[in-house]
Amino acid sequence: MRKTAFVLAGLAAASIALVGCDVQKTQEGNVSVPKYEVSKTKEGDVTLPKYDVDAPKVDVTTEKKEVNVPKVGVYTEKETLTVPKVEVTPAKDRDDANKK
């Protein structure tokens, strides 16, 4: 059960990290496909667009929390568990991303 909670927390952190990316197009793309009849009439040219991607800074740490853990029977006990703590700083707000 605890392992499942950690896996779900990790997946949530990964999805949050992808949302925080700052993407800017730096070059237009161009694709011109070669034309063929009996012989080739035009050379092909492909220029792919370029992007600068600044990924967010993600800090994953742990902290101790007291939570109610069900026990066999109809009662609960407080236990101290280590739970993940995720902090995401979007790329546009990071100090190191603005130093370019």
Protein backbone atom coordinates (compact mmCIF):
# COMPACT_ATOMS: atom_id res chain seq x y z
CA MET A 1 0.00 0.00 0.00
CA ARG A 2 2.78 2.41 0.89
CA LYS A 3 4.69 1.48 -2.24
CA THR A 4 1.64 2.35 -4.35
CA ALA A 5 1.41 5.77 -2.69
CA PHE A 6 5.05 6.49 -3.53
CA VAL A 7 4.57 5.40 -7.14
CA LEU A 8 1.49 7.61 -7.50
CA ALA A 9 3.34 10.55 -5.94
CA GLY A 10 6.22 10.03 -8.36
CA LEU A 11 3.88 9.96 -11.34
CA ALA A 12 2.17 13.13 -10.13
CA ALA A 13 5.54 14.86 -9.76
CA ALA A 14 6.57 13.83 -13.26
CA SER A 15 3.33 15.13 -14.79
CA ILE A 16 3.67 18.43 -12.92
CA ALA A 17 7.26 18.75 -14.14
CA LEU A 18 6.18 18.40 -17.77
CA VAL A 19 3.51 21.07 -17.38
CA GLY A 20 6.02 23.61 -16.07
CA CYS A 21 8.25 23.62 -19.19
CA ASP A 22 8.79 26.90 -21.00
CA VAL A 23 9.20 26.25 -24.76
CA GLN A 24 10.12 28.91 -27.30
CA LYS A 25 10.52 28.35 -31.04
CA THR A 26 13.89 29.69 -32.22
CA GLN A 27 13.78 28.79 -35.93
CA GLU A 28 11.03 28.09 -38.48
CA GLY A 29 10.88 24.67 -40.12
CA ASN A 30 10.73 23.84 -43.81
CA VAL A 31 10.03 20.59 -45.64
CA SER A 32 10.06 20.31 -49.35
CA VAL A 33 9.43 16.80 -50.62
CA PRO A 34 11.12 15.64 -53.83
CA LYS A 35 8.79 15.30 -56.83
CA TYR A 36 9.12 12.17 -58.97
CA GLU A 37 7.78 11.41 -62.40
CA VAL A 38 9.89 9.22 -64.63
CA SER A 39 12.92 11.03 -63.24
CA LYS A 40 13.46 13.28 -60.26
CA THR A 41 12.54 16.91 -61.06
CA LYS A 42 13.37 18.56 -57.76
CA GLU A 43 15.85 17.94 -54.94
CA GLY A 44 14.37 17.49 -51.47
CA ASP A 45 15.18 19.91 -48.65
CA VAL A 46 14.29 19.48 -45.00
CA THR A 47 14.94 22.12 -42.34
CA LEU A 48 13.53 21.22 -38.95
CA PRO A 49 12.47 23.91 -36.47
CA LYS A 50 14.69 24.51 -33.45
CA TYR A 51 13.40 24.99 -29.93
CA ASP A 52 14.95 26.17 -26.68
CA VAL A 53 13.37 24.34 -23.76
CA ASP A 54 13.91 25.48 -20.18
CA ALA A 55 12.74 22.70 -17.88
CA PRO A 56 11.37 23.49 -14.44
CA LYS A 57 13.41 22.81 -11.32
CA VAL A 58 11.83 19.96 -9.33
CA ASP A 59 12.90 19.31 -5.75
CA VAL A 60 11.72 16.02 -4.25
CA THR A 61 12.44 15.56 -0.56
CA THR A 62 10.86 13.65 2.31
CA GLU A 63 9.39 14.76 5.58
CA LYS A 64 7.92 13.02 8.63
CA LYS A 65 4.13 13.21 9.02
CA GLU A 66 1.76 11.63 11.50
CA VAL A 67 -1.09 9.86 9.75
CA ASN A 68 -3.88 7.53 10.86
CA VAL A 69 -3.03 4.01 9.73
CA PRO A 70 -5.81 1.41 9.87
CA LYS A 71 -4.98 -1.70 11.90
CA VAL A 72 -6.69 -5.06 11.93
CA GLY A 73 -9.91 -4.34 13.77
CA VAL A 74 -11.95 -1.16 13.91
CA TYR A 75 -9.37 1.27 15.26
CA THR A 76 -6.50 3.36 13.94
CA GLU A 77 -3.13 4.31 15.35
CA LYS A 78 -0.94 7.28 14.60
CA GLU A 79 2.35 6.40 12.94
CA THR A 80 5.12 8.61 11.64
CA LEU A 81 5.81 7.90 7.98
CA THR A 82 8.21 9.38 5.46
CA VAL A 83 6.15 10.91 2.64
CA PRO A 84 7.40 12.59 -0.56
CA LYS A 85 7.41 16.38 -0.76
CA VAL A 86 7.59 17.87 -4.27
CA GLU A 87 8.36 21.49 -5.08
CA VAL A 88 8.20 22.65 -8.71
CA THR A 89 9.59 25.99 -9.81
CA PRO A 90 8.43 26.87 -13.36
CA ALA A 91 11.26 27.55 -15.81
CA LYS A 92 10.36 31.23 -16.18
CA ASP A 93 10.65 31.74 -12.38
CA ARG A 94 13.98 29.90 -11.88
CA ASP A 95 16.99 32.03 -11.00
CA ASP A 96 19.44 29.93 -13.04
CA ALA A 97 17.23 30.06 -16.19
CA ASN A 98 17.24 33.87 -16.21
CA LYS A 99 21.06 34.10 -16.24
CA LYS A 100 21.36 33.41 -20.00
